[in-house]
C-alpha cells in the first residue's frame, strides 16, 4: 500500500519497531511507521514518459510517496 510521508503517523508498523504507540479504543495496537528511517522502506518509482510517443523511458524515486518493503506495495 502506497503511503505519503504525511500519513506515516497513522500507519501501524508490521514489524513493531516503529515510532510512537498507536491506540484504538484505549488499547495499544502497535507502533507508528517511521518510513524512510526504516531499512524496509522503499520509495515509489515515478515513471517518466516521452511526451510525443507516450512511451515509458525512465523512472525516478518519489520525494514523498513510498511503501513498506516488508509487506509489499
PDB file of N, CA and C in Angstrom:
ATOM      1  N   UNK A   1       0.833  -1.173   0.000  1.00  0.00           N
ATOM      2  CA  UNK A   1       0.000   0.000   0.000  1.00  0.00           C
ATOM      3  C   UNK A   1       0.883   1.244   0.000  1.00  0.00           C
ATOM      4  N   UNK A   2       0.716   2.087  -0.984  1.00  0.00           N
ATOM      5  CA  UNK A   2       1.480   3.318  -1.079  1.00  0.00           C
ATOM      6  C   UNK A   2       1.036   4.295   0.004  1.00  0.00           C
ATOM      7  N   UNK A   3       2.011   5.004   0.569  1.00  0.00           N
ATOM      8  CA  UNK A   3       1.727   5.930   1.661  1.00  0.00           C
ATOM      9  C   UNK A   3       2.509   7.226   1.438  1.00  0.00           C
ATOM     10  N   UNK A   4       1.839   8.351   1.639  1.00  0.00           N
ATOM     11  CA  UNK A   4       2.528   9.639   1.627  1.00  0.00           C
ATOM     12  C   UNK A   4       3.195   9.837   2.980  1.00  0.00           C
ATOM     13  N   UNK A   5       4.331  10.505   2.999  1.00  0.00           N
ATOM     14  CA  UNK A   5       5.078  10.714   4.237  1.00  0.00           C
ATOM     15  C   UNK A   5       4.219  11.353   5.318  1.00  0.00           C
ATOM     16  N   UNK A   6       3.294  12.242   4.943  1.00  0.00           N
ATOM     17  CA  UNK A   6       2.457  12.919   5.928  1.00  0.00           C
ATOM     18  C   UNK A   6       1.482  11.969   6.629  1.00  0.00           C
ATOM     19  N   UNK A   7       1.275  10.761   6.089  1.00  0.00           N
ATOM     20  CA  UNK A   7       0.332   9.796   6.654  1.00  0.00           C
ATOM     21  C   UNK A   7       0.994   8.743   7.541  1.00  0.00           C
ATOM     22  N   UNK A   8       2.309   8.760   7.666  1.00  0.00           N
ATOM     23  CA  UNK A   8       3.018   7.691   8.368  1.00  0.00           C
ATOM     24  C   UNK A   8       2.628   7.559   9.830  1.00  0.00           C
ATOM     25  N   UNK A   9       2.333   8.664  10.502  1.00  0.00           N
ATOM     26  CA  UNK A   9       1.987   8.600  11.916  1.00  0.00           C
ATOM     27  C   UNK A   9       0.701   7.834  12.178  1.00  0.00           C
ATOM     28  N   UNK A  10      -0.095   7.602  11.133  1.00  0.00           N
ATOM     29  CA  UNK A  10      -1.356   6.878  11.269  1.00  0.00           C
ATOM     30  C   UNK A  10      -1.224   5.398  10.910  1.00  0.00           C
ATOM     31  N   UNK A  11      -0.093   4.995  10.356  1.00  0.00           N
ATOM     32  CA  UNK A  11       0.109   3.622   9.905  1.00  0.00           C
ATOM     33  C   UNK A  11       0.820   2.800  10.977  1.00  0.00           C
ATOM     34  N   UNK A  12       0.361   1.586  11.202  1.00  0.00           N
ATOM     35  CA  UNK A  12       0.986   0.700  12.186  1.00  0.00           C
ATOM     36  C   UNK A  12       2.113  -0.078  11.521  1.00  0.00           C
ATOM     37  N   UNK A  13       3.273  -0.094  12.162  1.00  0.00           N
ATOM     38  CA  UNK A  13       4.431  -0.826  11.657  1.00  0.00           C
ATOM     39  C   UNK A  13       4.193  -2.329  11.803  1.00  0.00           C
ATOM     40  N   UNK A  14       4.274  -3.113  10.714  1.00  0.00           N
ATOM     41  CA  UNK A  14       4.057  -4.555  10.813  1.00  0.00           C
ATOM     42  C   UNK A  14       5.171  -5.271  11.581  1.00  0.00           C
ATOM     43  N   UNK A  15       6.329  -4.630  11.689  1.00  0.00           N
ATOM     44  CA  UNK A  15       7.445  -5.232  12.417  1.00  0.00           C
ATOM     45  C   UNK A  15       7.425  -4.866  13.898  1.00  0.00           C
ATOM     46  N   UNK A  16       6.605  -3.874  14.262  1.00  0.00           N
ATOM     47  CA  UNK A  16       6.520  -3.449  15.653  1.00  0.00           C
ATOM     48  C   UNK A  16       7.725  -2.669  16.138  1.00  0.00           C
ATOM     49  N   UNK A  17       8.484  -2.091  15.216  1.00  0.00           N
ATOM     50  CA  UNK A  17       9.712  -1.384  15.603  1.00  0.00           C
ATOM     51  C   UNK A  17       9.604   0.111  15.350  1.00  0.00           C
ATOM     52  N   UNK A  18       8.402   0.606  15.134  1.00  0.00           N
ATOM     53  CA  UNK A  18       8.203   1.984  14.721  1.00  0.00           C
ATOM     54  C   UNK A  18       8.353   3.010  15.822  1.00  0.00           C
ATOM     55  N   UNK A  19       7.681   4.131  15.614  1.00  0.00           N
ATOM     56  CA  UNK A  19       7.774   5.282  16.498  1.00  0.00           C
ATOM     57  C   UNK A  19       6.834   5.204  17.688  1.00  0.00           C
ATOM     58  N   UNK A  20       5.957   6.203  17.799  1.00  0.00           N
ATOM     59  CA  UNK A  20       5.059   6.300  18.950  1.00  0.00           C
ATOM     60  C   UNK A  20       3.983   5.210  18.929  1.00  0.00           C
ATOM     61  N   UNK A  21       3.365   4.975  20.077  1.00  0.00           N
ATOM     62  CA  UNK A  21       2.293   3.984  20.173  1.00  0.00           C
ATOM     63  C   UNK A  21       1.033   4.490  19.475  1.00  0.00           C
ATOM     64  N   UNK A  22       0.346   3.582  18.789  1.00  0.00           N
ATOM     65  CA  UNK A  22      -0.944   3.880  18.172  1.00  0.00           C
ATOM     66  C   UNK A  22      -1.986   3.075  18.926  1.00  0.00           C
ATOM     67  N   UNK A  23      -3.061   3.754  19.321  1.00  0.00           N
ATOM     68  CA  UNK A  23      -4.098   3.056  20.076  1.00  0.00           C
ATOM     69  C   UNK A  23      -5.445   3.167  19.378  1.00  0.00           C
ATOM     70  N   UNK A  24      -6.304   2.214  19.671  1.00  0.00           N
ATOM     71  CA  UNK A  24      -7.666   2.174  19.165  1.00  0.00           C
ATOM     72  C   UNK A  24      -8.558   1.782  20.323  1.00  0.00           C
ATOM     73  N   UNK A  25      -9.540   2.602  20.630  1.00  0.00           N
ATOM     74  CA  UNK A  25     -10.451   2.380  21.752  1.00  0.00           C
ATOM     75  C   UNK A  25      -9.678   2.096  23.039  1.00  0.00           C
ATOM     76  N   UNK A  26      -8.683   2.950  23.303  1.00  0.00           N
ATOM     77  CA  UNK A  26      -7.843   2.896  24.507  1.00  0.00           C
ATOM     78  C   UNK A  26      -6.988   1.633  24.619  1.00  0.00           C
ATOM     79  N   UNK A  27      -6.779   0.915  23.527  1.00  0.00           N
ATOM     80  CA  UNK A  27      -5.901  -0.253  23.508  1.00  0.00           C
ATOM     81  C   UNK A  27      -4.759   0.013  22.529  1.00  0.00           C
ATOM     82  N   UNK A  28      -3.526  -0.192  22.966  1.00  0.00           N
ATOM     83  CA  UNK A  28      -2.380  -0.006  22.078  1.00  0.00           C
ATOM     84  C   UNK A  28      -2.373  -1.138  21.060  1.00  0.00           C
ATOM     85  N   UNK A  29      -2.368  -0.758  19.775  1.00  0.00           N
ATOM     86  CA  UNK A  29      -2.401  -1.778  18.720  1.00  0.00           C
ATOM     87  C   UNK A  29      -1.077  -1.908  17.986  1.00  0.00           C
ATOM     88  N   UNK A  30      -0.139  -1.025  18.260  1.00  0.00           N
ATOM     89  CA  UNK A  30       1.170  -1.132  17.612  1.00  0.00           C
ATOM     90  C   UNK A  30       1.930   0.169  17.648  1.00  0.00           C
ATOM     91  N   UNK A  31       3.029   0.183  16.924  1.00  0.00           N
ATOM     92  CA  UNK A  31       3.891   1.357  16.812  1.00  0.00           C
ATOM     93  C   UNK A  31       3.690   1.995  15.441  1.00  0.00           C
ATOM     94  N   UNK A  32       3.891   3.300  15.383  1.00  0.00           N
ATOM     95  CA  UNK A  32       3.734   4.031  14.121  1.00  0.00           C
ATOM     96  C   UNK A  32       4.898   3.735  13.173  1.00  0.00           C
ATOM     97  N   UNK A  33       4.595   3.741  11.887  1.00  0.00           N
ATOM     98  CA  UNK A  33       5.609   3.571  10.843  1.00  0.00           C
ATOM     99  C   UNK A  33       6.591   4.741  10.886  1.00  0.00           C
ATOM    100  N   UNK A  34       7.867   4.452  10.693  1.00  0.00           N
ATOM    101  CA  UNK A  34       8.882   5.508  10.660  1.00  0.00           C
ATOM    102  C   UNK A  34       9.382   5.758   9.237  1.00  0.00           C
ATOM    103  N   UNK A  35       8.767   5.112   8.282  1.00  0.00           N
ATOM    104  CA  UNK A  35       9.024   5.385   6.861  1.00  0.00           C
ATOM    105  C   UNK A  35      10.471   5.291   6.444  1.00  0.00           C
ATOM    106  N   UNK A  36      11.033   6.375   5.904  1.00  0.00           N
ATOM    107  CA  UNK A  36      12.384   6.333   5.350  1.00  0.00           C
ATOM    108  C   UNK A  36      13.478   6.048   6.377  1.00  0.00           C
ATOM    109  N   UNK A  37      13.166   6.113   7.653  1.00  0.00           N
ATOM    110  CA  UNK A  37      14.151   5.785   8.687  1.00  0.00           C
ATOM    111  C   UNK A  37      14.282   4.272   8.876  1.00  0.00           C
ATOM    112  N   UNK A  38      13.379   3.516   8.278  1.00  0.00           N
ATOM    113  CA  UNK A  38      13.356   2.055   8.403  1.00  0.00           C
ATOM    114  C   UNK A  38      14.086   1.412   7.221  1.00  0.00           C
ATOM    115  N   UNK A  39      14.807   0.331   7.472  1.00  0.00           N
ATOM    116  CA  UNK A  39      15.531  -0.353   6.393  1.00  0.00           C
ATOM    117  C   UNK A  39      14.599  -1.025   5.390  1.00  0.00           C
ATOM    118  N   UNK A  40      13.345  -1.297   5.786  1.00  0.00           N
ATOM    119  CA  UNK A  40      12.397  -1.944   4.879  1.00  0.00           C
ATOM    120  C   UNK A  40      11.707  -0.944   3.947  1.00  0.00           C
ATOM    121  N   UNK A  41      11.838   0.354   4.203  1.00  0.00           N
ATOM    122  CA  UNK A  41      11.143   1.380   3.409  1.00  0.00           C
ATOM    123  C   UNK A  41      11.630   1.395   1.970  1.00  0.00           C
ATOM    124  N   UNK A  42      10.692   1.510   1.040  1.00  0.00           N
ATOM    125  CA  UNK A  42      11.010   1.606  -0.389  1.00  0.00           C
ATOM    126  C   UNK A  42      10.301   2.829  -0.962  1.00  0.00           C
ATOM    127  N   UNK A  43      10.998   3.569  -1.781  1.00  0.00           N
ATOM    128  CA  UNK A  43      10.400   4.717  -2.450  1.00  0.00           C
ATOM    129  C   UNK A  43       9.686   4.267  -3.715  1.00  0.00           C
ATOM    130  N   UNK A  44       8.534   4.847  -3.981  1.00  0.00           N
ATOM    131  CA  UNK A  44       7.796   4.586  -5.219  1.00  0.00           C
ATOM    132  C   UNK A  44       8.592   5.142  -6.392  1.00  0.00           C
ATOM    133  N   UNK A  45       8.717   4.395  -7.453  1.00  0.00           N
ATOM    134  CA  UNK A  45       9.413   4.844  -8.658  1.00  0.00           C
ATOM    135  C   UNK A  45       8.395   5.491  -9.594  1.00  0.00           C
ATOM    136  N   UNK A  46       8.493   6.811  -9.752  1.00  0.00           N
ATOM    137  CA  UNK A  46       7.579   7.545 -10.627  1.00  0.00           C
ATOM    138  C   UNK A  46       8.028   7.401 -12.075  1.00  0.00           C
ATOM    139  N   UNK A  47       7.131   6.972 -12.947  1.00  0.00           N
ATOM    140  CA  UNK A  47       7.503   6.772 -14.347  1.00  0.00           C
ATOM    141  C   UNK A  47       7.713   8.096 -15.079  1.00  0.00           C
ATOM    142  N   UNK A  48       8.603   8.085 -16.061  1.00  0.00           N
ATOM    143  CA  UNK A  48       8.831   9.236 -16.935  1.00  0.00           C
ATOM    144  C   UNK A  48       8.516   8.780 -18.357  1.00  0.00           C
ATOM    145  N   UNK A  49       7.577   9.476 -18.979  1.00  0.00           N
ATOM    146  CA  UNK A  49       7.138   9.112 -20.320  1.00  0.00           C
ATOM    147  C   UNK A  49       7.630  10.119 -21.350  1.00  0.00           C
ATOM    148  N   UNK A  50       7.887   9.634 -22.565  1.00  0.00           N
ATOM    149  CA  UNK A  50       8.188  10.505 -23.688  1.00  0.00           C
ATOM    150  C   UNK A  50       6.897  11.253 -24.030  1.00  0.00           C
ATOM    151  N   UNK A  51       6.965  12.579 -24.128  1.00  0.00           N
ATOM    152  CA  UNK A  51       5.764  13.382 -24.364  1.00  0.00           C
ATOM    153  C   UNK A  51       5.133  13.129 -25.731  1.00  0.00           C
ATOM    154  N   UNK A  52       5.934  12.828 -26.709  1.00  0.00           N
ATOM    155  CA  UNK A  52       5.403  12.621 -28.059  1.00  0.00           C
ATOM    156  C   UNK A  52       4.821  11.219 -28.247  1.00  0.00           C
ATOM    157  N   UNK A  53       5.572  10.206 -27.841  1.00  0.00           N
ATOM    158  CA  UNK A  53       5.137   8.830 -28.087  1.00  0.00           C
ATOM    159  C   UNK A  53       4.402   8.213 -26.898  1.00  0.00           C
ATOM    160  N   UNK A  54       4.439   8.881 -25.754  1.00  0.00           N
ATOM    161  CA  UNK A  54       3.849   8.379 -24.508  1.00  0.00           C
ATOM    162  C   UNK A  54       4.455   7.042 -24.088  1.00  0.00           C
ATOM    163  N   UNK A  55       5.678   6.793 -24.544  1.00  0.00           N
ATOM    164  CA  UNK A  55       6.396   5.569 -24.216  1.00  0.00           C
ATOM    165  C   UNK A  55       7.189   5.768 -22.919  1.00  0.00           C
ATOM    166  N   UNK A  56       7.212   4.744 -22.079  1.00  0.00           N
ATOM    167  CA  UNK A  56       7.970   4.798 -20.837  1.00  0.00           C
ATOM    168  C   UNK A  56       9.456   4.828 -21.168  1.00  0.00           C
ATOM    169  N   UNK A  57      10.162   5.864 -20.680  1.00  0.00           N
ATOM    170  CA  UNK A  57      11.583   5.975 -20.995  1.00  0.00           C
ATOM    171  C   UNK A  57      12.478   5.862 -19.763  1.00  0.00           C
ATOM    172  N   UNK A  58      11.944   6.145 -18.586  1.00  0.00           N
ATOM    173  CA  UNK A  58      12.763   6.104 -17.371  1.00  0.00           C
ATOM    174  C   UNK A  58      11.852   6.209 -16.146  1.00  0.00           C
ATOM    175  N   UNK A  59      12.460   6.232 -14.974  1.00  0.00           N
ATOM    176  CA  UNK A  59      11.722   6.452 -13.740  1.00  0.00           C
ATOM    177  C   UNK A  59      12.651   7.099 -12.725  1.00  0.00           C
ATOM    178  N   UNK A  60      12.066   7.663 -11.684  1.00  0.00           N
ATOM    179  CA  UNK A  60      12.865   8.252 -10.617  1.00  0.00           C
ATOM    180  C   UNK A  60      12.128   8.083  -9.294  1.00  0.00           C
ATOM    181  N   UNK A  61      12.856   8.007  -8.177  1.00  0.00           N
ATOM    182  CA  UNK A  61      12.208   7.823  -6.880  1.00  0.00           C
ATOM    183  C   UNK A  61      11.376   9.051  -6.502  1.00  0.00           C
ATOM    184  N   UNK A  62      10.204   8.798  -5.931  1.00  0.00           N
ATOM    185  CA  UNK A  62       9.331   9.869  -5.460  1.00  0.00           C
ATOM    186  C   UNK A  62       9.950  10.579  -4.265  1.00  0.00           C
ATOM    187  N   UNK A  63       9.587  11.824  -4.065  1.00  0.00           N
ATOM    188  CA  UNK A  63      10.065  12.580  -2.911  1.00  0.00           C
ATOM    189  C   UNK A  63       9.193  12.367  -1.676  1.00  0.00           C
ATOM    190  N   UNK A  64       7.944  11.945  -1.867  1.00  0.00           N
ATOM    191  CA  UNK A  64       7.040  11.848  -0.724  1.00  0.00           C
ATOM    192  C   UNK A  64       6.094  10.641  -0.741  1.00  0.00           C
ATOM    193  N   UNK A  65       6.308   9.697  -1.646  1.00  0.00           N
ATOM    194  CA  UNK A  65       5.422   8.546  -1.748  1.00  0.00           C
ATOM    195  C   UNK A  65       6.254   7.264  -1.718  1.00  0.00           C
ATOM    196  N   UNK A  66       5.888   6.334  -0.833  1.00  0.00           N
ATOM    197  CA  UNK A  66       6.619   5.083  -0.739  1.00  0.00           C
ATOM    198  C   UNK A  66       5.761   4.004  -0.111  1.00  0.00           C
ATOM    199  N   UNK A  67       6.407   2.893   0.281  1.00  0.00           N
ATOM    200  CA  UNK A  67       5.668   1.784   0.861  1.00  0.00           C
ATOM    201  C   UNK A  67       6.600   0.929   1.717  1.00  0.00           C
ATOM    202  N   UNK A  68       5.995   0.094   2.535  1.00  0.00           N
ATOM    203  CA  UNK A  68       6.753  -0.817   3.391  1.00  0.00           C
ATOM    204  C   UNK A  68       7.247  -1.980   2.546  1.00  0.00           C
ATOM    205  N   UNK A  69       8.532  -2.130   2.421  1.00  0.00           N
ATOM    206  CA  UNK A  69       9.103  -3.222   1.645  1.00  0.00           C
ATOM    207  C   UNK A  69       8.918  -4.576   2.320  1.00  0.00           C
ATOM    208  N   UNK A  70       8.577  -4.573   3.606  1.00  0.00           N
ATOM    209  CA  UNK A  70       8.345  -5.824   4.318  1.00  0.00           C
ATOM    210  C   UNK A  70       7.024  -6.460   3.907  1.00  0.00           C
ATOM    211  N   UNK A  71       5.982  -5.638   3.705  1.00  0.00           N
ATOM    212  CA  UNK A  71       4.678  -6.178   3.349  1.00  0.00           C
ATOM    213  C   UNK A  71       4.344  -5.993   1.880  1.00  0.00           C
ATOM    214  N   UNK A  72       5.128  -5.193   1.167  1.00  0.00           N
ATOM    215  CA  UNK A  72       4.930  -5.028  -0.271  1.00  0.00           C
ATOM    216  C   UNK A  72       4.101  -3.820  -0.642  1.00  0.00           C
ATOM    217  N   UNK A  73       3.969  -3.606  -1.938  1.00  0.00           N
ATOM    218  CA  UNK A  73       3.231  -2.459  -2.467  1.00  0.00           C
ATOM    219  C   UNK A  73       1.798  -2.628  -2.131  1.00  0.00           C
TER     220      UNK A  73
END
